[in-house]
Each structure stands twice: as C-alpha cells, then as structure tokens.
C-alpha cells in the first residue's frame, strides 16, 4: 500500500518505546508519533535532521511541517517509490498589438 509522506525537519527525535517517538519541532511543539509512521531519515537535507513521516498522522498532530517535499512509501517493505508529478500549463490567449508608427521617424 502506498503512503504519502512529508520530509519534516525536527529539532530532536528520541525513541521513548519500541512503538513511539517523541519529536520536538523548531517552533517548540512536542508530540508523540507512532514508530510505524516514521519511514526513516531524509539524507538530502543538510542543515538539520529531517525524517519522512506519514502525512495523515501529521495532520492530526501539533508538529510544524511543510508540504513542499513529499514522497510515497511502500508500507509493505518501507522503501521509497518513484514520485512522478504531471502538471499541464494552459497559456492564456493574448490579442496581438497593432503597431503605431512614430511620426518623427517617418521620412
């Protein structure tokens, strides 16, 4: 089954039991996240520690997160699936401009 995850930058994360993590975000909010909803560390973030956490649990918790970086994970084996996002752009129709000749340039 595919699970949507967000990359969440955390100030600290500690395992309080085999089934739960205690997470603290940079704004100071503290909450408990089940271990089954944390899919590992995001190693592409260099400034701080970031972890892949399921989107549905983040909506229910008080942790600060951004939806900019998302990925899909396979819940059976815990591996990241390829993310493909298709966007279509429909340009607006623009009417042509009729040129106006400058009288000082005409001979």
N, C-alpha and C. Protein backbone atom coordinates (compact mmCIF):
# COMPACT_ATOMS: atom_id res chain seq x y z
N UNK A 1 0.84 -1.17 0.00
CA UNK A 1 0.00 0.00 0.00
C UNK A 1 0.89 1.24 0.00
N UNK A 2 0.52 2.25 -0.78
CA UNK A 2 1.29 3.48 -0.87
C UNK A 2 0.86 4.44 0.24
N UNK A 3 1.84 5.06 0.89
CA UNK A 3 1.58 6.04 1.94
C UNK A 3 2.30 7.32 1.57
N UNK A 4 1.58 8.44 1.59
CA UNK A 4 2.15 9.75 1.31
C UNK A 4 2.90 10.24 2.54
N UNK A 5 4.15 10.69 2.34
CA UNK A 5 4.98 11.15 3.45
C UNK A 5 5.53 12.54 3.13
N UNK A 6 5.81 13.29 4.19
CA UNK A 6 6.45 14.59 4.08
C UNK A 6 7.79 14.54 4.78
N UNK A 7 8.75 15.29 4.26
CA UNK A 7 10.04 15.43 4.91
C UNK A 7 9.90 16.51 5.97
N UNK A 8 10.09 16.14 7.23
CA UNK A 8 9.87 17.05 8.35
C UNK A 8 11.21 17.30 9.04
N UNK A 9 11.59 18.59 9.12
CA UNK A 9 12.82 18.96 9.83
C UNK A 9 12.49 19.05 11.31
N UNK A 10 13.26 18.35 12.12
CA UNK A 10 13.00 18.28 13.55
C UNK A 10 14.20 18.75 14.35
N UNK A 11 13.89 19.39 15.47
CA UNK A 11 14.95 19.80 16.40
C UNK A 11 15.53 18.59 17.10
N UNK A 12 14.65 17.69 17.54
CA UNK A 12 15.12 16.45 18.14
C UNK A 12 14.06 15.37 18.00
N UNK A 13 14.53 14.14 17.99
CA UNK A 13 13.65 12.98 17.94
C UNK A 13 14.28 11.91 18.82
N UNK A 14 13.49 11.33 19.71
CA UNK A 14 14.00 10.27 20.57
C UNK A 14 12.96 9.17 20.67
N UNK A 15 13.44 7.96 20.70
CA UNK A 15 12.55 6.81 20.79
C UNK A 15 12.25 6.57 22.27
N UNK A 16 10.95 6.70 22.64
CA UNK A 16 10.58 6.52 24.04
C UNK A 16 10.14 5.10 24.33
N UNK A 17 9.77 4.37 23.30
CA UNK A 17 9.47 2.95 23.43
C UNK A 17 9.66 2.32 22.05
N UNK A 18 9.38 1.03 21.96
CA UNK A 18 9.51 0.37 20.66
C UNK A 18 8.42 0.82 19.71
N UNK A 19 7.36 1.41 20.23
CA UNK A 19 6.22 1.77 19.39
C UNK A 19 6.04 3.27 19.19
N UNK A 20 6.89 4.13 19.78
CA UNK A 20 6.65 5.57 19.66
C UNK A 20 7.93 6.38 19.73
N UNK A 21 7.88 7.54 19.04
CA UNK A 21 8.94 8.55 19.08
C UNK A 21 8.39 9.82 19.71
N UNK A 22 9.24 10.51 20.46
CA UNK A 22 8.90 11.84 20.98
C UNK A 22 9.65 12.82 20.09
N UNK A 23 8.93 13.71 19.39
CA UNK A 23 9.53 14.64 18.45
C UNK A 23 9.32 16.07 18.93
N UNK A 24 10.33 16.90 18.69
CA UNK A 24 10.27 18.33 19.00
C UNK A 24 10.62 19.08 17.73
N UNK A 25 9.72 19.97 17.31
CA UNK A 25 9.98 20.75 16.11
C UNK A 25 10.66 22.06 16.50
N UNK A 26 11.07 22.84 15.49
CA UNK A 26 11.83 24.05 15.75
C UNK A 26 11.00 25.16 16.40
N UNK A 27 9.68 25.11 16.29
CA UNK A 27 8.85 26.12 16.97
C UNK A 27 8.57 25.75 18.42
N UNK A 28 9.08 24.61 18.88
CA UNK A 28 8.94 24.20 20.26
C UNK A 28 7.80 23.24 20.53
N UNK A 29 7.01 22.91 19.53
CA UNK A 29 5.91 21.98 19.75
C UNK A 29 6.43 20.56 19.93
N UNK A 30 5.81 19.85 20.87
CA UNK A 30 6.23 18.49 21.22
C UNK A 30 5.04 17.56 21.01
N UNK A 31 5.30 16.39 20.44
CA UNK A 31 4.23 15.42 20.25
C UNK A 31 4.83 14.02 20.16
N UNK A 32 3.97 13.03 20.19
CA UNK A 32 4.39 11.63 20.10
C UNK A 32 3.88 11.06 18.78
N UNK A 33 4.78 10.46 18.02
CA UNK A 33 4.47 9.87 16.71
C UNK A 33 4.70 8.36 16.80
N UNK A 34 3.77 7.54 16.30
CA UNK A 34 3.99 6.09 16.29
C UNK A 34 5.19 5.71 15.42
N UNK A 35 5.92 4.71 15.83
CA UNK A 35 7.11 4.26 15.09
C UNK A 35 6.75 3.75 13.70
N UNK A 36 5.55 3.24 13.54
CA UNK A 36 5.14 2.71 12.24
C UNK A 36 4.90 3.81 11.21
N UNK A 37 4.82 5.07 11.65
CA UNK A 37 4.57 6.18 10.73
C UNK A 37 5.82 6.99 10.44
N UNK A 38 6.95 6.61 10.98
CA UNK A 38 8.24 7.24 10.68
C UNK A 38 8.99 6.30 9.75
N UNK A 39 9.29 6.78 8.52
CA UNK A 39 9.87 5.92 7.49
C UNK A 39 11.36 6.11 7.29
N UNK A 40 12.01 6.80 8.21
CA UNK A 40 13.46 6.93 8.13
C UNK A 40 13.90 8.36 7.93
N UNK A 41 15.21 8.54 7.91
CA UNK A 41 15.80 9.87 7.80
C UNK A 41 15.90 10.30 6.34
N UNK A 42 15.71 11.61 6.12
CA UNK A 42 15.88 12.21 4.80
C UNK A 42 17.30 12.74 4.72
N UNK A 43 18.17 12.03 4.02
CA UNK A 43 19.58 12.37 3.98
C UNK A 43 19.89 13.50 3.00
N UNK A 44 18.94 13.94 2.20
CA UNK A 44 19.20 15.02 1.26
C UNK A 44 19.18 16.39 1.93
N UNK A 45 18.67 16.49 3.15
CA UNK A 45 18.64 17.75 3.89
C UNK A 45 19.96 17.87 4.65
N UNK A 46 20.65 19.00 4.47
CA UNK A 46 21.98 19.17 5.05
C UNK A 46 21.98 20.02 6.33
N UNK A 47 21.06 20.98 6.46
CA UNK A 47 21.11 21.93 7.58
C UNK A 47 20.71 21.33 8.91
N UNK A 48 19.81 20.38 8.91
CA UNK A 48 19.33 19.78 10.16
C UNK A 48 18.86 18.36 9.86
N UNK A 49 18.43 17.67 10.91
CA UNK A 49 17.91 16.33 10.73
C UNK A 49 16.47 16.40 10.23
N UNK A 50 16.17 15.64 9.20
CA UNK A 50 14.82 15.58 8.65
C UNK A 50 14.42 14.12 8.53
N UNK A 51 13.15 13.85 8.76
CA UNK A 51 12.64 12.48 8.74
C UNK A 51 11.39 12.42 7.87
N UNK A 52 11.20 11.26 7.22
CA UNK A 52 10.00 11.03 6.42
C UNK A 52 8.91 10.51 7.36
N UNK A 53 7.81 11.29 7.47
CA UNK A 53 6.71 10.95 8.36
C UNK A 53 5.42 10.95 7.55
N UNK A 54 4.52 10.00 7.85
CA UNK A 54 3.26 9.87 7.10
C UNK A 54 2.43 11.15 7.20
N UNK A 55 1.85 11.54 6.07
CA UNK A 55 1.10 12.79 6.00
C UNK A 55 -0.17 12.76 6.86
N UNK A 56 -0.84 11.64 6.92
CA UNK A 56 -2.11 11.58 7.64
C UNK A 56 -1.92 11.76 9.14
N UNK A 57 -0.79 11.33 9.69
CA UNK A 57 -0.56 11.48 11.12
C UNK A 57 -0.13 12.92 11.44
N UNK A 58 0.57 13.57 10.51
CA UNK A 58 0.99 14.95 10.73
C UNK A 58 -0.20 15.90 10.81
N UNK A 59 -1.26 15.58 10.05
CA UNK A 59 -2.46 16.42 10.09
C UNK A 59 -3.15 16.37 11.44
N UNK A 60 -2.97 15.27 12.16
CA UNK A 60 -3.61 15.10 13.46
C UNK A 60 -2.75 15.58 14.62
N UNK A 61 -1.46 15.81 14.39
CA UNK A 61 -0.54 16.20 15.44
C UNK A 61 -0.24 17.69 15.37
N UNK A 62 0.41 18.20 16.42
CA UNK A 62 0.70 19.63 16.53
C UNK A 62 2.14 19.95 16.11
N UNK A 63 2.72 19.14 15.27
CA UNK A 63 4.11 19.34 14.83
C UNK A 63 4.14 20.26 13.62
N UNK A 64 5.13 21.16 13.60
CA UNK A 64 5.31 22.07 12.48
C UNK A 64 5.93 21.30 11.32
N UNK A 65 5.32 21.42 10.12
CA UNK A 65 5.85 20.72 8.94
C UNK A 65 5.48 21.49 7.69
N UNK A 66 6.16 21.16 6.61
CA UNK A 66 5.91 21.78 5.32
C UNK A 66 5.50 20.71 4.32
N UNK A 67 4.64 21.08 3.39
CA UNK A 67 4.18 20.13 2.37
C UNK A 67 4.98 20.25 1.08
N UNK A 68 6.08 21.00 1.09
CA UNK A 68 6.86 21.22 -0.13
C UNK A 68 7.56 19.95 -0.62
N UNK A 69 8.08 19.17 0.31
CA UNK A 69 8.85 17.99 -0.08
C UNK A 69 8.06 16.75 0.33
N UNK A 70 7.53 16.06 -0.67
CA UNK A 70 6.72 14.88 -0.38
C UNK A 70 7.23 13.68 -1.16
N UNK A 71 6.88 12.51 -0.68
CA UNK A 71 7.28 11.28 -1.33
C UNK A 71 6.25 10.20 -0.99
N UNK A 72 6.26 9.13 -1.75
CA UNK A 72 5.38 7.99 -1.49
C UNK A 72 6.23 6.82 -1.03
N UNK A 73 5.76 6.13 0.00
CA UNK A 73 6.46 4.97 0.54
C UNK A 73 5.58 3.75 0.45
N UNK A 74 6.22 2.61 0.23
CA UNK A 74 5.53 1.33 0.23
C UNK A 74 5.50 0.84 1.67
N UNK A 75 4.32 0.67 2.22
CA UNK A 75 4.20 0.27 3.63
C UNK A 75 4.61 -1.19 3.86
N UNK A 76 4.62 -2.00 2.81
CA UNK A 76 4.99 -3.41 2.97
C UNK A 76 6.48 -3.59 3.23
N UNK A 77 7.32 -2.88 2.45
CA UNK A 77 8.76 -3.05 2.62
C UNK A 77 9.46 -1.78 3.10
N UNK A 78 8.75 -0.66 3.23
CA UNK A 78 9.33 0.57 3.76
C UNK A 78 10.25 1.30 2.80
N UNK A 79 10.17 1.00 1.51
CA UNK A 79 11.04 1.64 0.52
C UNK A 79 10.33 2.78 -0.17
N UNK A 80 11.12 3.80 -0.56
CA UNK A 80 10.57 4.95 -1.27
C UNK A 80 10.23 4.56 -2.69
N UNK A 81 9.05 4.99 -3.14
CA UNK A 81 8.61 4.72 -4.50
C UNK A 81 8.93 5.93 -5.37
N UNK A 82 9.08 5.75 -6.66
CA UNK A 82 9.36 6.90 -7.52
C UNK A 82 8.18 7.86 -7.54
N UNK A 83 8.49 9.16 -7.42
CA UNK A 83 7.45 10.18 -7.42
C UNK A 83 7.41 10.86 -8.77
N UNK A 84 6.26 10.84 -9.38
CA UNK A 84 6.06 11.48 -10.68
C UNK A 84 4.90 12.45 -10.54
N UNK A 85 5.16 13.70 -10.88
CA UNK A 85 4.13 14.72 -10.78
C UNK A 85 3.94 15.33 -12.17
N UNK A 86 2.74 15.22 -12.70
CA UNK A 86 2.44 15.73 -14.03
C UNK A 86 1.63 17.01 -13.89
N UNK A 87 2.17 18.08 -14.44
CA UNK A 87 1.48 19.35 -14.43
C UNK A 87 1.32 19.82 -15.86
N UNK A 88 0.15 20.34 -16.18
CA UNK A 88 -0.07 20.89 -17.51
C UNK A 88 -0.27 22.39 -17.40
N UNK A 89 0.30 23.11 -18.34
CA UNK A 89 0.18 24.56 -18.37
C UNK A 89 -0.62 24.96 -19.60
N UNK A 90 -1.71 25.66 -19.38
CA UNK A 90 -2.52 26.16 -20.49
C UNK A 90 -2.32 27.67 -20.54
N UNK A 91 -1.63 28.18 -21.55
CA UNK A 91 -1.37 29.61 -21.60
C UNK A 91 -2.64 30.40 -21.91
N UNK A 92 -2.69 31.62 -21.41
CA UNK A 92 -3.83 32.49 -21.68
C UNK A 92 -3.68 33.08 -23.08
N UNK A 93 -4.82 33.32 -23.72
CA UNK A 93 -4.79 33.87 -25.08
C UNK A 93 -4.57 35.37 -24.99
N UNK A 94 -3.60 35.84 -25.77
CA UNK A 94 -3.26 37.26 -25.79
C UNK A 94 -3.55 37.79 -27.19
N UNK A 95 -4.27 38.91 -27.26
CA UNK A 95 -4.57 39.54 -28.54
C UNK A 95 -3.33 40.24 -29.07
N UNK A 96 -3.11 40.21 -30.40
CA UNK A 96 -1.93 40.88 -30.96
C UNK A 96 -2.05 42.40 -30.84
N UNK A 97 -0.90 43.04 -30.71
CA UNK A 97 -0.85 44.50 -30.59
C UNK A 97 -0.64 45.09 -31.98
N UNK A 98 -1.42 46.09 -32.32
CA UNK A 98 -1.24 46.77 -33.61
C UNK A 98 -0.16 47.83 -33.44
N UNK A 99 0.85 47.81 -34.29
CA UNK A 99 1.94 48.78 -34.15
C UNK A 99 1.50 50.19 -34.55
N UNK A 100 2.00 51.14 -33.81
CA UNK A 100 1.73 52.56 -34.09
C UNK A 100 3.04 53.19 -34.52
N UNK A 101 3.07 53.78 -35.73
CA UNK A 101 4.28 54.37 -36.24
C UNK A 101 4.54 55.73 -35.58
N UNK A 102 5.80 55.99 -35.24
CA UNK A 102 6.19 57.27 -34.65
C UNK A 102 6.41 58.25 -35.80
N UNK A 103 5.74 59.41 -35.76
CA UNK A 103 5.78 60.38 -36.85
C UNK A 103 7.17 60.97 -37.03
N UNK A 104 7.96 61.04 -35.98
CA UNK A 104 9.29 61.65 -36.10
C UNK A 104 10.28 60.72 -36.80
N UNK A 105 9.96 59.47 -36.94
CA UNK A 105 10.84 58.52 -37.60
C UNK A 105 10.51 58.32 -39.07
N UNK A 106 9.39 58.84 -39.53
CA UNK A 106 8.97 58.69 -40.94
C UNK A 106 9.61 59.76 -41.78
N UNK A 107 10.17 59.41 -42.96
CA UNK A 107 10.80 60.38 -43.87
C UNK A 107 9.82 61.02 -44.77
